[in-house]
Amino acid sequence: MQTLQFALLLVFPALVVVAALKDVTSYTIPNWISLALIAAFPPVALVSGASPATMGLCLAAGLVALLLGMGMFAARWIGGGDAKLFAAAVLWLGWPAAGTFMLVTALAGGALTLGLLSLRSGWFEPVLAGSPPWVRKLGAKDGDIPYGAAIAVGALMAFPQGALTLAAGG
């Protein structure tokens, strides 16, 4: 049973990494990633041995995160895919890992922003000229910030403290 628990728990890090890579290379996070995380939550929670109270707290935390994400999207701080990934990650992590997730995500987002501002400063134009199109897009002076990468860093850092990981004995 532990092998099954471990395999199912790997769904979360795998999907957040895919979301980050997709966001960095295309500035989009496909809906199927967030939907897959949401759909995988109940069976993984059950197999992990999460109590109904733990699952309820995870659902409540995910709903609060969805509302926060919607607010950040409305303020134009993040994209819609980022908001959905943010909420789906909190659903899996639950409370109190959501606090670690949000703190690390904010710090990673700041570091990502500073890195991209540096990349976009003009110093790297000769390097960018021979780069793949997605790298040139990251270096574009008017480009967005692929915040899905910061969300993935926060999610991966908080994952060991997550409600499902702890329920599985991790």
C-alpha atoms as a PDB file:
ATOM      1  CA  MET A   1       0.000   0.000   0.000  1.00  0.00           C
ATOM      2  CA  GLN A   2       2.869   2.408   0.708  1.00  0.00           C
ATOM      3  CA  THR A   3       4.064   2.078  -2.885  1.00  0.00           C
ATOM      4  CA  LEU A   4       0.617   3.110  -4.123  1.00  0.00           C
ATOM      5  CA  GLN A   5       0.517   6.039  -1.680  1.00  0.00           C
ATOM      6  CA  PHE A   6       3.951   7.179  -2.797  1.00  0.00           C
ATOM      7  CA  ALA A   7       3.075   6.872  -6.488  1.00  0.00           C
ATOM      8  CA  LEU A   8      -0.168   8.809  -6.043  1.00  0.00           C
ATOM      9  CA  LEU A   9       1.517  11.520  -3.993  1.00  0.00           C
ATOM     10  CA  LEU A  10       3.949  12.076  -6.878  1.00  0.00           C
ATOM     11  CA  VAL A  11       1.039  13.371  -8.970  1.00  0.00           C
ATOM     12  CA  PHE A  12       1.294  16.706  -7.158  1.00  0.00           C
ATOM     13  CA  PRO A  13       4.982  17.532  -7.719  1.00  0.00           C
ATOM     14  CA  ALA A  14       4.854  16.182 -11.267  1.00  0.00           C
ATOM     15  CA  LEU A  15       1.918  18.388 -12.241  1.00  0.00           C
ATOM     16  CA  VAL A  16       3.246  21.558 -10.608  1.00  0.00           C
ATOM     17  CA  VAL A  17       6.572  21.073 -12.418  1.00  0.00           C
ATOM     18  CA  VAL A  18       4.710  20.606 -15.720  1.00  0.00           C
ATOM     19  CA  ALA A  19       2.721  23.776 -14.973  1.00  0.00           C
ATOM     20  CA  ALA A  20       5.922  25.733 -14.279  1.00  0.00           C
ATOM     21  CA  LEU A  21       7.610  24.532 -17.461  1.00  0.00           C
ATOM     22  CA  LYS A  22       4.509  25.281 -19.515  1.00  0.00           C
ATOM     23  CA  ASP A  23       4.224  28.767 -18.015  1.00  0.00           C
ATOM     24  CA  VAL A  24       7.910  29.601 -18.546  1.00  0.00           C
ATOM     25  CA  THR A  25       7.846  28.441 -22.159  1.00  0.00           C
ATOM     26  CA  SER A  26       4.414  29.706 -23.227  1.00  0.00           C
ATOM     27  CA  TYR A  27       3.045  32.059 -20.533  1.00  0.00           C
ATOM     28  CA  THR A  28       0.049  29.770 -20.116  1.00  0.00           C
ATOM     29  CA  ILE A  29      -0.938  27.117 -17.617  1.00  0.00           C
ATOM     30  CA  PRO A  30      -3.440  24.785 -19.264  1.00  0.00           C
ATOM     31  CA  ASN A  31      -6.677  24.203 -17.359  1.00  0.00           C
ATOM     32  CA  TRP A  32      -6.160  20.446 -17.502  1.00  0.00           C
ATOM     33  CA  ILE A  33      -3.300  20.722 -15.005  1.00  0.00           C
ATOM     34  CA  SER A  34      -5.380  22.403 -12.304  1.00  0.00           C
ATOM     35  CA  LEU A  35      -8.337  20.147 -13.090  1.00  0.00           C
ATOM     36  CA  ALA A  36      -6.134  17.055 -12.814  1.00  0.00           C
ATOM     37  CA  LEU A  37      -4.872  18.225  -9.419  1.00  0.00           C
ATOM     38  CA  ILE A  38      -8.429  18.790  -8.215  1.00  0.00           C
ATOM     39  CA  ALA A  39      -9.658  15.455  -9.598  1.00  0.00           C
ATOM     40  CA  ALA A  40      -6.716  13.559  -8.084  1.00  0.00           C
ATOM     41  CA  PHE A  41      -7.182  15.056  -4.625  1.00  0.00           C
ATOM     42  CA  PRO A  42     -10.056  12.828  -3.355  1.00  0.00           C
ATOM     43  CA  PRO A  43      -8.545   9.462  -4.310  1.00  0.00           C
ATOM     44  CA  VAL A  44      -5.084  10.465  -3.098  1.00  0.00           C
ATOM     45  CA  ALA A  45      -6.546  11.760   0.175  1.00  0.00           C
ATOM     46  CA  LEU A  46      -8.410   8.490   0.705  1.00  0.00           C
ATOM     47  CA  VAL A  47      -5.429   6.278  -0.144  1.00  0.00           C
ATOM     48  CA  SER A  48      -3.158   8.458   2.017  1.00  0.00           C
ATOM     49  CA  GLY A  49      -5.424   7.911   5.014  1.00  0.00           C
ATOM     50  CA  ALA A  50      -6.417  11.541   5.459  1.00  0.00           C
ATOM     51  CA  SER A  51      -9.253  11.959   7.931  1.00  0.00           C
ATOM     52  CA  PRO A  52     -12.529  13.609   6.901  1.00  0.00           C
ATOM     53  CA  ALA A  53     -11.539  16.589   9.071  1.00  0.00           C
ATOM     54  CA  THR A  54      -8.210  16.910   7.236  1.00  0.00           C
ATOM     55  CA  MET A  55      -9.937  16.691   3.858  1.00  0.00           C
ATOM     56  CA  GLY A  56     -12.443  19.338   4.967  1.00  0.00           C
ATOM     57  CA  LEU A  57      -9.660  21.675   6.073  1.00  0.00           C
ATOM     58  CA  CYS A  58      -7.914  21.129   2.742  1.00  0.00           C
ATOM     59  CA  LEU A  59     -11.114  21.980   0.881  1.00  0.00           C
ATOM     60  CA  ALA A  60     -11.634  25.103   2.990  1.00  0.00           C
ATOM     61  CA  ALA A  61      -8.017  26.213   2.475  1.00  0.00           C
ATOM     62  CA  GLY A  62      -8.353  25.593  -1.264  1.00  0.00           C
ATOM     63  CA  LEU A  63     -11.537  27.680  -1.410  1.00  0.00           C
ATOM     64  CA  VAL A  64      -9.876  30.559   0.468  1.00  0.00           C
ATOM     65  CA  ALA A  65      -6.902  30.296  -1.909  1.00  0.00           C
ATOM     66  CA  LEU A  66      -9.254  30.383  -4.893  1.00  0.00           C
ATOM     67  CA  LEU A  67     -10.807  33.596  -3.568  1.00  0.00           C
ATOM     68  CA  LEU A  68      -7.344  35.092  -2.966  1.00  0.00           C
ATOM     69  CA  GLY A  69      -6.265  34.010  -6.434  1.00  0.00           C
ATOM     70  CA  MET A  70      -9.363  35.572  -7.976  1.00  0.00           C
ATOM     71  CA  GLY A  71      -8.559  38.811  -6.156  1.00  0.00           C
ATOM     72  CA  MET A  72      -4.966  38.769  -7.394  1.00  0.00           C
ATOM     73  CA  PHE A  73      -6.223  38.043 -10.914  1.00  0.00           C
ATOM     74  CA  ALA A  74      -8.741  40.904 -10.700  1.00  0.00           C
ATOM     75  CA  ALA A  75      -5.911  43.211  -9.585  1.00  0.00           C
ATOM     76  CA  ARG A  76      -3.918  41.981 -12.606  1.00  0.00           C
ATOM     77  CA  TRP A  77      -1.089  40.731 -10.392  1.00  0.00           C
ATOM     78  CA  ILE A  78      -1.290  37.179 -11.746  1.00  0.00           C
ATOM     79  CA  GLY A  79      -2.928  35.406 -14.653  1.00  0.00           C
ATOM     80  CA  GLY A  80      -5.989  33.191 -14.525  1.00  0.00           C
ATOM     81  CA  GLY A  81      -3.970  29.994 -14.859  1.00  0.00           C
ATOM     82  CA  ASP A  82      -1.772  31.124 -11.969  1.00  0.00           C
ATOM     83  CA  ALA A  83      -4.837  31.727  -9.780  1.00  0.00           C
ATOM     84  CA  LYS A  84      -6.225  28.252 -10.537  1.00  0.00           C
ATOM     85  CA  LEU A  85      -2.868  26.546  -9.935  1.00  0.00           C
ATOM     86  CA  PHE A  86      -2.458  28.503  -6.690  1.00  0.00           C
ATOM     87  CA  ALA A  87      -5.830  27.247  -5.405  1.00  0.00           C
ATOM     88  CA  ALA A  88      -5.257  23.657  -6.552  1.00  0.00           C
ATOM     89  CA  ALA A  89      -1.876  23.617  -4.798  1.00  0.00           C
ATOM     90  CA  VAL A  90      -3.383  24.845  -1.535  1.00  0.00           C
ATOM     91  CA  LEU A  91      -6.101  22.185  -1.823  1.00  0.00           C
ATOM     92  CA  TRP A  92      -3.381  19.512  -1.791  1.00  0.00           C
ATOM     93  CA  LEU A  93      -1.231  21.179   0.866  1.00  0.00           C
ATOM     94  CA  GLY A  94      -3.912  22.139   3.381  1.00  0.00           C
ATOM     95  CA  TRP A  95      -3.257  24.102   6.521  1.00  0.00           C
ATOM     96  CA  PRO A  96      -0.647  24.972   7.931  1.00  0.00           C
ATOM     97  CA  ALA A  97       1.526  24.087   4.899  1.00  0.00           C
ATOM     98  CA  ALA A  98      -0.412  26.741   2.958  1.00  0.00           C
ATOM     99  CA  GLY A  99       1.415  29.395   5.002  1.00  0.00           C
ATOM    100  CA  THR A 100       4.816  28.023   3.997  1.00  0.00           C
ATOM    101  CA  PHE A 101       3.592  27.716   0.418  1.00  0.00           C
ATOM    102  CA  MET A 102       2.463  31.344   0.237  1.00  0.00           C
ATOM    103  CA  LEU A 103       5.643  32.685   1.868  1.00  0.00           C
ATOM    104  CA  VAL A 104       7.982  30.691  -0.380  1.00  0.00           C
ATOM    105  CA  THR A 105       5.866  31.499  -3.455  1.00  0.00           C
ATOM    106  CA  ALA A 106       6.083  35.220  -2.675  1.00  0.00           C
ATOM    107  CA  LEU A 107       9.861  35.028  -2.172  1.00  0.00           C
ATOM    108  CA  ALA A 108      10.323  32.943  -5.336  1.00  0.00           C
ATOM    109  CA  GLY A 109       8.109  35.368  -7.253  1.00  0.00           C
ATOM    110  CA  GLY A 110      10.247  38.285  -6.100  1.00  0.00           C
ATOM    111  CA  ALA A 111      13.443  36.480  -7.082  1.00  0.00           C
ATOM    112  CA  LEU A 112      11.933  35.541 -10.450  1.00  0.00           C
ATOM    113  CA  THR A 113      10.887  39.135 -11.063  1.00  0.00           C
ATOM    114  CA  LEU A 114      14.326  40.483 -10.180  1.00  0.00           C
ATOM    115  CA  GLY A 115      15.966  37.860 -12.395  1.00  0.00           C
ATOM    116  CA  LEU A 116      13.740  38.723 -15.334  1.00  0.00           C
ATOM    117  CA  LEU A 117      14.286  42.453 -14.814  1.00  0.00           C
ATOM    118  CA  SER A 118      18.018  41.773 -14.960  1.00  0.00           C
ATOM    119  CA  LEU A 119      17.571  39.648 -18.080  1.00  0.00           C
ATOM    120  CA  ARG A 120      15.522  42.444 -19.638  1.00  0.00           C
ATOM    121  CA  SER A 121      18.027  45.189 -18.735  1.00  0.00           C
ATOM    122  CA  GLY A 122      19.781  45.015 -22.082  1.00  0.00           C
ATOM    123  CA  TRP A 123      22.996  43.399 -20.885  1.00  0.00           C
ATOM    124  CA  PHE A 124      21.923  40.024 -22.166  1.00  0.00           C
ATOM    125  CA  GLU A 125      20.705  41.056 -25.633  1.00  0.00           C
ATOM    126  CA  PRO A 126      23.629  39.364 -27.443  1.00  0.00           C
ATOM    127  CA  VAL A 127      22.912  36.116 -25.595  1.00  0.00           C
ATOM    128  CA  LEU A 128      19.168  36.379 -26.159  1.00  0.00           C
ATOM    129  CA  ALA A 129      19.619  36.886 -29.904  1.00  0.00           C
ATOM    130  CA  GLY A 130      20.730  33.277 -30.397  1.00  0.00           C
ATOM    131  CA  SER A 131      18.348  31.768 -27.865  1.00  0.00           C
ATOM    132  CA  PRO A 132      15.215  29.699 -28.489  1.00  0.00           C
ATOM    133  CA  PRO A 133      12.032  31.755 -29.031  1.00  0.00           C
ATOM    134  CA  TRP A 134      10.679  31.090 -25.523  1.00  0.00           C
ATOM    135  CA  VAL A 135      13.904  32.451 -23.955  1.00  0.00           C
ATOM    136  CA  ARG A 136      13.748  35.551 -26.173  1.00  0.00           C
ATOM    137  CA  LYS A 137      10.134  36.006 -25.047  1.00  0.00           C
ATOM    138  CA  LEU A 138      11.234  35.846 -21.385  1.00  0.00           C
ATOM    139  CA  GLY A 139      13.807  38.533 -22.157  1.00  0.00           C
ATOM    140  CA  ALA A 140      11.341  40.834 -23.933  1.00  0.00           C
ATOM    141  CA  LYS A 141      11.276  44.215 -22.210  1.00  0.00           C
ATOM    142  CA  ASP A 142       7.460  44.335 -22.052  1.00  0.00           C
ATOM    143  CA  GLY A 143       7.057  40.675 -21.114  1.00  0.00           C
ATOM    144  CA  ASP A 144       4.973  39.258 -18.295  1.00  0.00           C
ATOM    145  CA  ILE A 145       6.212  37.235 -15.341  1.00  0.00           C
ATOM    146  CA  PRO A 146       5.532  33.476 -15.598  1.00  0.00           C
ATOM    147  CA  TYR A 147       4.383  33.271 -11.985  1.00  0.00           C
ATOM    148  CA  GLY A 148       3.548  29.580 -12.337  1.00  0.00           C
ATOM    149  CA  ALA A 149       7.255  28.942 -11.809  1.00  0.00           C
ATOM    150  CA  ALA A 150       7.153  30.707  -8.422  1.00  0.00           C
ATOM    151  CA  ILE A 151       3.987  28.814  -7.488  1.00  0.00           C
ATOM    152  CA  ALA A 152       5.729  25.542  -8.329  1.00  0.00           C
ATOM    153  CA  VAL A 153       8.755  26.430  -6.158  1.00  0.00           C
ATOM    154  CA  GLY A 154       6.456  27.265  -3.246  1.00  0.00           C
ATOM    155  CA  ALA A 155       4.423  24.099  -3.768  1.00  0.00           C
ATOM    156  CA  LEU A 156       7.489  21.864  -3.915  1.00  0.00           C
ATOM    157  CA  MET A 157       9.000  23.444  -0.802  1.00  0.00           C
ATOM    158  CA  ALA A 158       5.756  23.066   1.183  1.00  0.00           C
ATOM    159  CA  PHE A 159       4.943  19.574  -0.119  1.00  0.00           C
ATOM    160  CA  PRO A 160       6.765  17.650   2.656  1.00  0.00           C
ATOM    161  CA  GLN A 161       4.606  19.535   5.209  1.00  0.00           C
ATOM    162  CA  GLY A 162       1.413  19.033   3.190  1.00  0.00           C
ATOM    163  CA  ALA A 163      -1.662  17.445   4.724  1.00  0.00           C
ATOM    164  CA  LEU A 164      -1.687  14.475   2.324  1.00  0.00           C
ATOM    165  CA  THR A 165       2.040  13.843   2.683  1.00  0.00           C
ATOM    166  CA  LEU A 166       1.720  13.827   6.469  1.00  0.00           C
ATOM    167  CA  ALA A 167      -1.405  11.648   6.357  1.00  0.00           C
ATOM    168  CA  ALA A 168       0.528   9.085   4.310  1.00  0.00           C
ATOM    169  CA  GLY A 169       3.225   9.032   6.960  1.00  0.00           C
ATOM    170  CA  GLY A 170       5.648  11.160   4.964  1.00  0.00           C
END
